[in-house]
Amino acid sequence: MDDADDIYMQSWTGTIIGPPNTVHEGCIYQLKLFCGKDYPDNPPSVRFQTRINMTCVNQETGVVEPSLFPMLANWQREYTMEDILTQLKKEMMSPQNRKLAQPPEGV
């Protein structure tokens, strides 16, 4: 959680360590997850703070596009923050993402 005083537990920071045998290997990705008042009935918004090139991520904003990421598009209230991070890591390993050229670090 980002703010210990947030009684609604809306703002979260997540970390994904890039999976081996992909262009993401050895990289550490920071994400922001924000749960609106209608969570868990509706999914949180998810945004990479670390620049990344993935088919489901808006290159300008870092936002994970729900229409391109099935877990968010087909949200179920049982899903957790950990489930989202785990599924994003699996997405990094998918054939369409595992070899995509990545933006330079620190830019």
PDB file of N, CA and C in Angstrom:
ATOM      1  N   MET A   1       0.831  -1.184   0.000  1.00  0.00           N
ATOM      2  CA  MET A   1       0.000   0.000   0.000  1.00  0.00           C
ATOM      3  C   MET A   1       0.871   1.241   0.000  1.00  0.00           C
ATOM      4  N   ASP A   2       0.399   2.257  -0.689  1.00  0.00           N
ATOM      5  CA  ASP A   2       1.174   3.484  -0.780  1.00  0.00           C
ATOM      6  C   ASP A   2       1.011   4.380   0.448  1.00  0.00           C
ATOM      7  N   ASP A   3      -0.182   4.385   1.042  1.00  0.00           N
ATOM      8  CA  ASP A   3      -0.469   5.302   2.139  1.00  0.00           C
ATOM      9  C   ASP A   3      -1.102   4.521   3.288  1.00  0.00           C
ATOM     10  N   ALA A   4      -0.390   4.414   4.391  1.00  0.00           N
ATOM     11  CA  ALA A   4      -0.878   3.647   5.534  1.00  0.00           C
ATOM     12  C   ALA A   4      -2.160   4.247   6.115  1.00  0.00           C
ATOM     13  N   ASP A   5      -2.420   5.534   5.836  1.00  0.00           N
ATOM     14  CA  ASP A   5      -3.616   6.186   6.353  1.00  0.00           C
ATOM     15  C   ASP A   5      -4.821   6.036   5.429  1.00  0.00           C
ATOM     16  N   ASP A   6      -4.640   5.394   4.283  1.00  0.00           N
ATOM     17  CA  ASP A   6      -5.727   5.217   3.311  1.00  0.00           C
ATOM     18  C   ASP A   6      -6.632   4.092   3.806  1.00  0.00           C
ATOM     19  N   ILE A   7      -7.723   4.449   4.482  1.00  0.00           N
ATOM     20  CA  ILE A   7      -8.601   3.427   5.055  1.00  0.00           C
ATOM     21  C   ILE A   7      -9.322   2.625   3.978  1.00  0.00           C
ATOM     22  N   TYR A   8      -9.379   3.147   2.758  1.00  0.00           N
ATOM     23  CA  TYR A   8     -10.028   2.414   1.666  1.00  0.00           C
ATOM     24  C   TYR A   8      -9.051   1.517   0.909  1.00  0.00           C
ATOM     25  N   MET A   9      -7.763   1.603   1.242  1.00  0.00           N
ATOM     26  CA  MET A   9      -6.705   0.798   0.615  1.00  0.00           C
ATOM     27  C   MET A   9      -6.804   0.867  -0.914  1.00  0.00           C
ATOM     28  N   GLN A  10      -6.792   2.083  -1.444  1.00  0.00           N
ATOM     29  CA  GLN A  10      -6.994   2.274  -2.871  1.00  0.00           C
ATOM     30  C   GLN A  10      -5.726   2.265  -3.710  1.00  0.00           C
ATOM     31  N   SER A  11      -4.629   2.761  -3.184  1.00  0.00           N
ATOM     32  CA  SER A  11      -3.424   2.947  -3.989  1.00  0.00           C
ATOM     33  C   SER A  11      -2.330   1.971  -3.567  1.00  0.00           C
ATOM     34  N   TRP A  12      -1.833   1.204  -4.550  1.00  0.00           N
ATOM     35  CA  TRP A  12      -0.852   0.157  -4.299  1.00  0.00           C
ATOM     36  C   TRP A  12       0.327   0.309  -5.238  1.00  0.00           C
ATOM     37  N   THR A  13       1.479  -0.149  -4.798  1.00  0.00           N
ATOM     38  CA  THR A  13       2.652  -0.252  -5.659  1.00  0.00           C
ATOM     39  C   THR A  13       2.983  -1.730  -5.797  1.00  0.00           C
ATOM     40  N   GLY A  14       3.238  -2.139  -7.038  1.00  0.00           N
ATOM     41  CA  GLY A  14       3.603  -3.528  -7.295  1.00  0.00           C
ATOM     42  C   GLY A  14       4.962  -3.600  -7.963  1.00  0.00           C
ATOM     43  N   THR A  15       5.585  -4.743  -7.863  1.00  0.00           N
ATOM     44  CA  THR A  15       6.891  -4.980  -8.481  1.00  0.00           C
ATOM     45  C   THR A  15       6.851  -6.316  -9.209  1.00  0.00           C
ATOM     46  N   ILE A  16       7.388  -6.317 -10.418  1.00  0.00           N
ATOM     47  CA  ILE A  16       7.537  -7.551 -11.176  1.00  0.00           C
ATOM     48  C   ILE A  16       9.010  -7.666 -11.560  1.00  0.00           C
ATOM     49  N   ILE A  17       9.592  -8.817 -11.276  1.00  0.00           N
ATOM     50  CA  ILE A  17      10.962  -9.096 -11.713  1.00  0.00           C
ATOM     51  C   ILE A  17      10.849  -9.811 -13.050  1.00  0.00           C
ATOM     52  N   GLY A  18      11.523  -9.274 -14.065  1.00  0.00           N
ATOM     53  CA  GLY A  18      11.438  -9.826 -15.409  1.00  0.00           C
ATOM     54  C   GLY A  18      11.773 -11.308 -15.454  1.00  0.00           C
ATOM     55  N   PRO A  19      10.951 -12.080 -16.165  1.00  0.00           N
ATOM     56  CA  PRO A  19      11.169 -13.523 -16.219  1.00  0.00           C
ATOM     57  C   PRO A  19      12.398 -13.899 -17.042  1.00  0.00           C
ATOM     58  N   PRO A  20      13.045 -15.018 -16.673  1.00  0.00           N
ATOM     59  CA  PRO A  20      14.235 -15.467 -17.399  1.00  0.00           C
ATOM     60  C   PRO A  20      13.906 -15.864 -18.843  1.00  0.00           C
ATOM     61  N   ASN A  21      14.931 -15.829 -19.680  1.00  0.00           N
ATOM     62  CA  ASN A  21      14.824 -16.214 -21.092  1.00  0.00           C
ATOM     63  C   ASN A  21      13.873 -15.326 -21.885  1.00  0.00           C
ATOM     64  N   THR A  22      13.759 -14.074 -21.457  1.00  0.00           N
ATOM     65  CA  THR A  22      12.987 -13.074 -22.185  1.00  0.00           C
ATOM     66  C   THR A  22      13.815 -11.789 -22.220  1.00  0.00           C
ATOM     67  N   VAL A  23      13.371 -10.809 -23.007  1.00  0.00           N
ATOM     68  CA  VAL A  23      14.061  -9.508 -23.016  1.00  0.00           C
ATOM     69  C   VAL A  23      13.909  -8.797 -21.673  1.00  0.00           C
ATOM     70  N   HIS A  24      13.009  -9.279 -20.841  1.00  0.00           N
ATOM     71  CA  HIS A  24      12.740  -8.658 -19.534  1.00  0.00           C
ATOM     72  C   HIS A  24      13.635  -9.202 -18.423  1.00  0.00           C
ATOM     73  N   GLU A  25      14.407 -10.240 -18.724  1.00  0.00           N
ATOM     74  CA  GLU A  25      15.248 -10.885 -17.701  1.00  0.00           C
ATOM     75  C   GLU A  25      16.176  -9.855 -17.057  1.00  0.00           C
ATOM     76  N   GLY A  26      16.214  -9.885 -15.728  1.00  0.00           N
ATOM     77  CA  GLY A  26      17.090  -8.994 -14.984  1.00  0.00           C
ATOM     78  C   GLY A  26      16.526  -7.599 -14.753  1.00  0.00           C
ATOM     79  N   CYS A  27      15.356  -7.312 -15.310  1.00  0.00           N
ATOM     80  CA  CYS A  27      14.734  -5.990 -15.125  1.00  0.00           C
ATOM     81  C   CYS A  27      13.755  -6.038 -13.957  1.00  0.00           C
ATOM     82  N   ILE A  28      13.646  -4.914 -13.281  1.00  0.00           N
ATOM     83  CA  ILE A  28      12.677  -4.783 -12.194  1.00  0.00           C
ATOM     84  C   ILE A  28      11.681  -3.712 -12.616  1.00  0.00           C
ATOM     85  N   TYR A  29      10.412  -4.093 -12.674  1.00  0.00           N
ATOM     86  CA  TYR A  29       9.348  -3.197 -13.126  1.00  0.00           C
ATOM     87  C   TYR A  29       8.492  -2.765 -11.949  1.00  0.00           C
ATOM     88  N   GLN A  30       8.268  -1.450 -11.857  1.00  0.00           N
ATOM     89  CA  GLN A  30       7.397  -0.892 -10.829  1.00  0.00           C
ATOM     90  C   GLN A  30       6.056  -0.540 -11.456  1.00  0.00           C
ATOM     91  N   LEU A  31       4.977  -0.838 -10.741  1.00  0.00           N
ATOM     92  CA  LEU A  31       3.638  -0.560 -11.227  1.00  0.00           C
ATOM     93  C   LEU A  31       2.831   0.136 -10.143  1.00  0.00           C
ATOM     94  N   LYS A  32       1.832   0.893 -10.561  1.00  0.00           N
ATOM     95  CA  LYS A  32       0.848   1.476  -9.655  1.00  0.00           C
ATOM     96  C   LYS A  32      -0.485   0.808  -9.945  1.00  0.00           C
ATOM     97  N   LEU A  33      -1.156   0.393  -8.906  1.00  0.00           N
ATOM     98  CA  LEU A  33      -2.488  -0.179  -9.015  1.00  0.00           C
ATOM     99  C   LEU A  33      -3.409   0.690  -8.178  1.00  0.00           C
ATOM    100  N   PHE A  34      -4.522   1.102  -8.770  1.00  0.00           N
ATOM    101  CA  PHE A  34      -5.448   1.970  -8.048  1.00  0.00           C
ATOM    102  C   PHE A  34      -6.834   1.348  -8.071  1.00  0.00           C
ATOM    103  N   CYS A  35      -7.375   1.135  -6.881  1.00  0.00           N
ATOM    104  CA  CYS A  35      -8.706   0.542  -6.738  1.00  0.00           C
ATOM    105  C   CYS A  35      -9.716   1.658  -6.471  1.00  0.00           C
ATOM    106  N   GLY A  36     -10.684   1.770  -7.350  1.00  0.00           N
ATOM    107  CA  GLY A  36     -11.746   2.759  -7.140  1.00  0.00           C
ATOM    108  C   GLY A  36     -12.715   2.275  -6.069  1.00  0.00           C
ATOM    109  N   LYS A  37     -13.691   3.090  -5.773  1.00  0.00           N
ATOM    110  CA  LYS A  37     -14.672   2.762  -4.730  1.00  0.00           C
ATOM    111  C   LYS A  37     -15.479   1.505  -5.073  1.00  0.00           C
ATOM    112  N   ASP A  38     -15.531   1.148  -6.368  1.00  0.00           N
ATOM    113  CA  ASP A  38     -16.313  -0.018  -6.788  1.00  0.00           C
ATOM    114  C   ASP A  38     -15.491  -1.308  -6.838  1.00  0.00           C
ATOM    115  N   TYR A  39     -14.224  -1.253  -6.382  1.00  0.00           N
ATOM    116  CA  TYR A  39     -13.408  -2.461  -6.269  1.00  0.00           C
ATOM    117  C   TYR A  39     -13.897  -3.253  -5.070  1.00  0.00           C
ATOM    118  N   PRO A  40     -14.030  -4.548  -5.094  1.00  0.00           N
ATOM    119  CA  PRO A  40     -13.540  -5.493  -6.090  1.00  0.00           C
ATOM    120  C   PRO A  40     -14.539  -5.857  -7.188  1.00  0.00           C
ATOM    121  N   ASP A  41     -15.674  -5.179  -7.236  1.00  0.00           N
ATOM    122  CA  ASP A  41     -16.630  -5.506  -8.299  1.00  0.00           C
ATOM    123  C   ASP A  41     -16.100  -5.115  -9.674  1.00  0.00           C
ATOM    124  N   ASN A  42     -15.265  -4.090  -9.719  1.00  0.00           N
ATOM    125  CA  ASN A  42     -14.615  -3.673 -10.961  1.00  0.00           C
ATOM    126  C   ASN A  42     -13.104  -3.697 -10.759  1.00  0.00           C
ATOM    127  N   PRO A  43     -12.351  -3.916 -11.828  1.00  0.00           N
ATOM    128  CA  PRO A  43     -10.897  -4.060 -11.677  1.00  0.00           C
ATOM    129  C   PRO A  43     -10.206  -2.749 -11.308  1.00  0.00           C
ATOM    130  N   PRO A  44      -9.031  -2.856 -10.729  1.00  0.00           N
ATOM    131  CA  PRO A  44      -8.233  -1.649 -10.489  1.00  0.00           C
ATOM    132  C   PRO A  44      -7.648  -1.156 -11.809  1.00  0.00           C
ATOM    133  N   SER A  45      -7.214   0.087 -11.815  1.00  0.00           N
ATOM    134  CA  SER A  45      -6.430   0.562 -12.954  1.00  0.00           C
ATOM    135  C   SER A  45      -4.978   0.185 -12.659  1.00  0.00           C
ATOM    136  N   VAL A  46      -4.272  -0.195 -13.715  1.00  0.00           N
ATOM    137  CA  VAL A  46      -2.899  -0.677 -13.562  1.00  0.00           C
ATOM    138  C   VAL A  46      -2.022   0.105 -14.524  1.00  0.00           C
ATOM    139  N   ARG A  47      -0.902   0.639 -14.008  1.00  0.00           N
ATOM    140  CA  ARG A  47      -0.003   1.426 -14.842  1.00  0.00           C
ATOM    141  C   ARG A  47       1.439   1.101 -14.489  1.00  0.00           C
ATOM    142  N   PHE A  48       2.217   0.788 -15.516  1.00  0.00           N
ATOM    143  CA  PHE A  48       3.651   0.586 -15.320  1.00  0.00           C
ATOM    144  C   PHE A  48       4.296   1.946 -15.107  1.00  0.00           C
ATOM    145  N   GLN A  49       5.104   2.071 -14.053  1.00  0.00           N
ATOM    146  CA  GLN A  49       5.895   3.277 -13.861  1.00  0.00           C
ATOM    147  C   GLN A  49       7.219   3.140 -14.583  1.00  0.00           C
ATOM    148  N   THR A  50       7.704   1.919 -14.683  1.00  0.00           N
ATOM    149  CA  THR A  50       8.903   1.626 -15.451  1.00  0.00           C
ATOM    150  C   THR A  50       8.476   1.475 -16.906  1.00  0.00           C
ATOM    151  N   ARG A  51       9.210   2.089 -17.816  1.00  0.00           N
ATOM    152  CA  ARG A  51       8.861   1.962 -19.231  1.00  0.00           C
ATOM    153  C   ARG A  51       9.017   0.511 -19.679  1.00  0.00           C
ATOM    154  N   ILE A  52       8.038   0.075 -20.486  1.00  0.00           N
ATOM    155  CA  ILE A  52       8.048  -1.301 -20.978  1.00  0.00           C
ATOM    156  C   ILE A  52       7.308  -1.347 -22.306  1.00  0.00           C
ATOM    157  N   ASN A  53       7.749  -2.228 -23.173  1.00  0.00           N
ATOM    158  CA  ASN A  53       7.068  -2.457 -24.440  1.00  0.00           C
ATOM    159  C   ASN A  53       6.386  -3.818 -24.346  1.00  0.00           C
ATOM    160  N   MET A  54       5.048  -3.783 -24.230  1.00  0.00           N
ATOM    161  CA  MET A  54       4.223  -4.996 -24.211  1.00  0.00           C
ATOM    162  C   MET A  54       2.963  -4.706 -25.009  1.00  0.00           C
ATOM    163  N   THR A  55       2.391  -5.743 -25.582  1.00  0.00           N
ATOM    164  CA  THR A  55       1.220  -5.552 -26.444  1.00  0.00           C
ATOM    165  C   THR A  55       0.000  -5.014 -25.706  1.00  0.00           C
ATOM    166  N   CYS A  56      -0.079  -5.195 -24.397  1.00  0.00           N
ATOM    167  CA  CYS A  56      -1.251  -4.741 -23.637  1.00  0.00           C
ATOM    168  C   CYS A  56      -1.012  -3.424 -22.898  1.00  0.00           C
ATOM    169  N   VAL A  57       0.147  -2.793 -23.130  1.00  0.00           N
ATOM    170  CA  VAL A  57       0.498  -1.571 -22.391  1.00  0.00           C
ATOM    171  C   VAL A  57       0.575  -0.390 -23.353  1.00  0.00           C
ATOM    172  N   ASN A  58      -0.096   0.705 -22.990  1.00  0.00           N
ATOM    173  CA  ASN A  58      -0.028   1.941 -23.765  1.00  0.00           C
ATOM    174  C   ASN A  58       1.387   2.502 -23.654  1.00  0.00           C
ATOM    175  N   GLN A  59       2.041   2.675 -24.773  1.00  0.00           N
ATOM    176  CA  GLN A  59       3.447   3.098 -24.782  1.00  0.00           C
ATOM    177  C   GLN A  59       3.654   4.513 -24.258  1.00  0.00           C
ATOM    178  N   GLU A  60       2.649   5.358 -24.383  1.00  0.00           N
ATOM    179  CA  GLU A  60       2.776   6.746 -23.925  1.00  0.00           C
ATOM    180  C   GLU A  60       2.554   6.877 -22.416  1.00  0.00           C
ATOM    181  N   THR A  61       1.567   6.153 -21.895  1.00  0.00           N
ATOM    182  CA  THR A  61       1.158   6.352 -20.504  1.00  0.00           C
ATOM    183  C   THR A  61       1.581   5.238 -19.558  1.00  0.00           C
ATOM    184  N   GLY A  62       1.910   4.058 -20.102  1.00  0.00           N
ATOM    185  CA  GLY A  62       2.235   2.917 -19.259  1.00  0.00           C
ATOM    186  C   GLY A  62       1.013   2.188 -18.732  1.00  0.00           C
ATOM    187  N   VAL A  63      -0.177   2.630 -19.122  1.00  0.00           N
ATOM    188  CA  VAL A  63      -1.417   2.017 -18.641  1.00  0.00           C
ATOM    189  C   VAL A  63      -1.612   0.646 -19.289  1.00  0.00           C
ATOM    190  N   VAL A  64      -1.967  -0.329 -18.459  1.00  0.00           N
ATOM    191  CA  VAL A  64      -2.352  -1.642 -18.978  1.00  0.00           C
ATOM    192  C   VAL A  64      -3.783  -1.488 -19.492  1.00  0.00           C
ATOM    193  N   GLU A  65      -3.950  -1.680 -20.789  1.00  0.00           N
ATOM    194  CA  GLU A  65      -5.252  -1.475 -21.432  1.00  0.00           C
ATOM    195  C   GLU A  65      -6.156  -2.673 -21.143  1.00  0.00           C
ATOM    196  N   PRO A  66      -7.266  -2.448 -20.419  1.00  0.00           N
ATOM    197  CA  PRO A  66      -8.152  -3.574 -20.084  1.00  0.00           C
ATOM    198  C   PRO A  66      -8.619  -4.362 -21.307  1.00  0.00           C
ATOM    199  N   SER A  67      -8.874  -3.691 -22.407  1.00  0.00           N
ATOM    200  CA  SER A  67      -9.363  -4.400 -23.598  1.00  0.00           C
ATOM    201  C   SER A  67      -8.301  -5.316 -24.202  1.00  0.00           C
ATOM    202  N   LEU A  68      -7.026  -5.100 -23.849  1.00  0.00           N
ATOM    203  CA  LEU A  68      -5.931  -5.902 -24.395  1.00  0.00           C
ATOM    204  C   LEU A  68      -5.346  -6.871 -23.367  1.00  0.00           C
ATOM    205  N   PHE A  69      -5.860  -6.831 -22.160  1.00  0.00           N
ATOM    206  CA  PHE A  69      -5.368  -7.701 -21.081  1.00  0.00           C
ATOM    207  C   PHE A  69      -6.565  -8.457 -20.521  1.00  0.00           C
ATOM    208  N   PRO A  70      -6.737  -9.725 -20.923  1.00  0.00           N
ATOM    209  CA  PRO A  70      -7.951 -10.477 -20.589  1.00  0.00           C
ATOM    210  C   PRO A  70      -8.335 -10.491 -19.115  1.00  0.00           C
ATOM    211  N   MET A  71      -7.373 -10.516 -18.206  1.00  0.00           N
ATOM    212  CA  MET A  71      -7.739 -10.561 -16.791  1.00  0.00           C
ATOM    213  C   MET A  71      -8.546  -9.321 -16.386  1.00  0.00           C
ATOM    214  N   LEU A  72      -8.174  -8.152 -16.895  1.00  0.00           N
ATOM    215  CA  LEU A  72      -8.924  -6.938 -16.574  1.00  0.00           C
ATOM    216  C   LEU A  72     -10.228  -6.875 -17.373  1.00  0.00           C
ATOM    217  N   ALA A  73     -10.185  -7.332 -18.627  1.00  0.00           N
ATOM    218  CA  ALA A  73     -11.382  -7.298 -19.478  1.00  0.00           C
ATOM    219  C   ALA A  73     -12.466  -8.230 -18.946  1.00  0.00           C
ATOM    220  N   ASN A  74     -12.060  -9.349 -18.372  1.00  0.00           N
ATOM    221  CA  ASN A  74     -12.998 -10.348 -17.852  1.00  0.00           C
ATOM    222  C   ASN A  74     -12.875 -10.453 -16.335  1.00  0.00           C
ATOM    223  N   TRP A  75     -12.852  -9.312 -15.691  1.00  0.00           N
ATOM    224  CA  TRP A  75     -12.601  -9.221 -14.258  1.00  0.00           C
ATOM    225  C   TRP A  75     -13.605 -10.028 -13.441  1.00  0.00           C
ATOM    226  N   GLN A  76     -13.071 -10.706 -12.413  1.00  0.00           N
ATOM    227  CA  GLN A  76     -13.898 -11.390 -11.423  1.00  0.00           C
ATOM    228  C   GLN A  76     -13.479 -10.902 -10.047  1.00  0.00           C
ATOM    229  N   ARG A  77     -14.450 -10.673  -9.198  1.00  0.00           N
ATOM    230  CA  ARG A  77     -14.153 -10.061  -7.897  1.00  0.00           C
ATOM    231  C   ARG A  77     -13.224 -10.902  -7.027  1.00  0.00           C
ATOM    232  N   GLU A  78     -13.028 -12.183  -7.351  1.00  0.00           N
ATOM    233  CA  GLU A  78     -12.121 -13.036  -6.580  1.00  0.00           C
ATOM    234  C   GLU A  78     -10.655 -12.758  -6.901  1.00  0.00           C
ATOM    235  N   TYR A  79     -10.386 -12.089  -8.019  1.00  0.00           N
ATOM    236  CA  TYR A  79      -8.999 -11.819  -8.400  1.00  0.00           C
ATOM    237  C   TYR A  79      -8.347 -10.876  -7.393  1.00  0.00           C
ATOM    238  N   THR A  80      -7.039 -11.045  -7.234  1.00  0.00           N
ATOM    239  CA  THR A  80      -6.282 -10.232  -6.279  1.00  0.00           C
ATOM    240  C   THR A  80      -5.209  -9.418  -7.006  1.00  0.00           C
ATOM    241  N   MET A  81      -4.562  -8.524  -6.278  1.00  0.00           N
ATOM    242  CA  MET A  81      -3.437  -7.762  -6.833  1.00  0.00           C
ATOM    243  C   MET A  81      -2.333  -8.727  -7.269  1.00  0.00           C
ATOM    244  N   GLU A  82      -2.087  -9.739  -6.450  1.00  0.00           N
ATOM    245  CA  GLU A  82      -1.064 -10.729  -6.786  1.00  0.00           C
ATOM    246  C   GLU A  82      -1.415 -11.441  -8.098  1.00  0.00           C
ATOM    247  N   ASP A  83      -2.690 -11.758  -8.283  1.00  0.00           N
ATOM    248  CA  ASP A  83      -3.112 -12.409  -9.534  1.00  0.00           C
ATOM    249  C   ASP A  83      -2.786 -11.528 -10.743  1.00  0.00           C
ATOM    250  N   ILE A  84      -3.026 -10.230 -10.623  1.00  0.00           N
ATOM    251  CA  ILE A  84      -2.743  -9.305 -11.725  1.00  0.00           C
ATOM    252  C   ILE A  84      -1.248  -9.308 -12.044  1.00  0.00           C
ATOM    253  N   LEU A  85      -0.414  -9.170 -11.013  1.00  0.00           N
ATOM    254  CA  LEU A  85       1.037  -9.142 -11.224  1.00  0.00           C
ATOM    255  C   LEU A  85       1.531 -10.455 -11.818  1.00  0.00           C
ATOM    256  N   THR A  86       1.009 -11.571 -11.328  1.00  0.00           N
ATOM    257  CA  THR A  86       1.400 -12.885 -11.843  1.00  0.00           C
ATOM    258  C   THR A  86       1.009 -13.023 -13.312  1.00  0.00           C
ATOM    259  N   GLN A  87      -0.185 -12.566 -13.655  1.00  0.00           N
ATOM    260  CA  GLN A  87      -0.647 -12.675 -15.039  1.00  0.00           C
ATOM    261  C   GLN A  87       0.155 -11.756 -15.957  1.00  0.00           C
ATOM    262  N   LEU A  88       0.528 -10.572 -15.478  1.00  0.00           N
ATOM    263  CA  LEU A  88       1.368  -9.679 -16.282  1.00  0.00           C
ATOM    264  C   LEU A  88       2.740 -10.306 -16.525  1.00  0.00           C
ATOM    265  N   LYS A  89       3.279 -10.969 -15.519  1.00  0.00           N
ATOM    266  CA  LYS A  89       4.570 -11.646 -15.691  1.00  0.00           C
ATOM    267  C   LYS A  89       4.440 -12.757 -16.726  1.00  0.00           C
ATOM    268  N   LYS A  90       3.338 -13.496 -16.693  1.00  0.00           N
ATOM    269  CA  LYS A  90       3.099 -14.530 -17.706  1.00  0.00           C
ATOM    270  C   LYS A  90       2.991 -13.906 -19.093  1.00  0.00           C
ATOM    271  N   GLU A  91       2.374 -12.734 -19.150  1.00  0.00           N
ATOM    272  CA  GLU A  91       2.230 -12.027 -20.429  1.00  0.00           C
ATOM    273  C   GLU A  91       3.600 -11.632 -20.980  1.00  0.00           C
ATOM    274  N   MET A  92       4.532 -11.297 -20.093  1.00  0.00           N
ATOM    275  CA  MET A  92       5.897 -10.980 -20.528  1.00  0.00           C
ATOM    276  C   MET A  92       6.553 -12.179 -21.204  1.00  0.00           C
ATOM    277  N   MET A  93       6.164 -13.391 -20.784  1.00  0.00           N
ATOM    278  CA  MET A  93       6.743 -14.612 -21.324  1.00  0.00           C
ATOM    279  C   MET A  93       6.034 -15.100 -22.588  1.00  0.00           C
ATOM    280  N   SER A  94       4.928 -14.469 -22.953  1.00  0.00           N
ATOM    281  CA  SER A  94       4.163 -14.919 -24.113  1.00  0.00           C
ATOM    282  C   SER A  94       4.951 -14.666 -25.392  1.00  0.00           C
ATOM    283  N   PRO A  95       4.688 -15.455 -26.434  1.00  0.00           N
ATOM    284  CA  PRO A  95       5.438 -15.313 -27.694  1.00  0.00           C
ATOM    285  C   PRO A  95       5.426 -13.888 -28.262  1.00  0.00           C
ATOM    286  N   GLN A  96       4.312 -13.174 -28.116  1.00  0.00           N
ATOM    287  CA  GLN A  96       4.237 -11.832 -28.692  1.00  0.00           C
ATOM    288  C   GLN A  96       5.003 -10.780 -27.892  1.00  0.00           C
ATOM    289  N   ASN A  97       5.395 -11.087 -26.658  1.00  0.00           N
ATOM    290  CA  ASN A  97       6.083 -10.101 -25.810  1.00  0.00           C
ATOM    291  C   ASN A  97       7.507 -10.473 -25.421  1.00  0.00           C
ATOM    292  N   ARG A  98       7.854 -11.732 -25.463  1.00  0.00           N
ATOM    293  CA  ARG A  98       9.137 -12.173 -24.889  1.00  0.00           C
ATOM    294  C   ARG A  98      10.362 -11.624 -25.605  1.00  0.00           C
ATOM    295  N   LYS A  99      10.204 -11.201 -26.864  1.00  0.00           N
ATOM    296  CA  LYS A  99      11.368 -10.716 -27.616  1.00  0.00           C
ATOM    297  C   LYS A  99      11.203  -9.290 -28.133  1.00  0.00           C
ATOM    298  N   LEU A 100      10.145  -8.603 -27.725  1.00  0.00           N
ATOM    299  CA  LEU A 100       9.935  -7.224 -28.181  1.00  0.00           C
ATOM    300  C   LEU A 100      11.062  -6.308 -27.722  1.00  0.00           C
ATOM    301  N   ALA A 101      11.521  -5.477 -28.620  1.00  0.00           N
ATOM    302  CA  ALA A 101      12.546  -4.495 -28.248  1.00  0.00           C
ATOM    303  C   ALA A 101      11.990  -3.601 -27.142  1.00  0.00           C
ATOM    304  N   GLN A 102      12.833  -3.307 -26.164  1.00  0.00           N
ATOM    305  CA  GLN A 102      12.408  -2.507 -25.007  1.00  0.00           C
ATOM    306  C   GLN A 102      12.984  -1.104 -25.082  1.00  0.00           C
ATOM    307  N   PRO A 103      12.250  -0.142 -24.488  1.00  0.00           N
ATOM    308  CA  PRO A 103      12.778   1.221 -24.458  1.00  0.00           C
ATOM    309  C   PRO A 103      14.050   1.284 -23.626  1.00  0.00           C
ATOM    310  N   PRO A 104      14.930   2.226 -23.946  1.00  0.00           N
ATOM    311  CA  PRO A 104      16.158   2.353 -23.137  1.00  0.00           C
ATOM    312  C   PRO A 104      15.827   2.698 -21.696  1.00  0.00           C
ATOM    313  N   GLU A 105      16.608   2.183 -20.777  1.00  0.00           N
ATOM    314  CA  GLU A 105      16.371   2.451 -19.351  1.00  0.00           C
ATOM    315  C   GLU A 105      16.717   3.902 -19.048  1.00  0.00           C
ATOM    316  N   GLY A 106      15.934   4.461 -18.088  1.00  0.00           N
ATOM    317  CA  GLY A 106      16.215   5.805 -17.622  1.00  0.00           C
ATOM    318  C   GLY A 106      15.753   6.904 -18.564  1.00  0.00           C
ATOM    319  N   VAL A 107      14.972   6.540 -19.594  1.00  0.00           N
ATOM    320  CA  VAL A 107      14.501   7.566 -20.531  1.00  0.00           C
ATOM    321  C   VAL A 107      13.066   7.888 -20.240  1.00  0.00           C
TER     322      VAL A 107
END
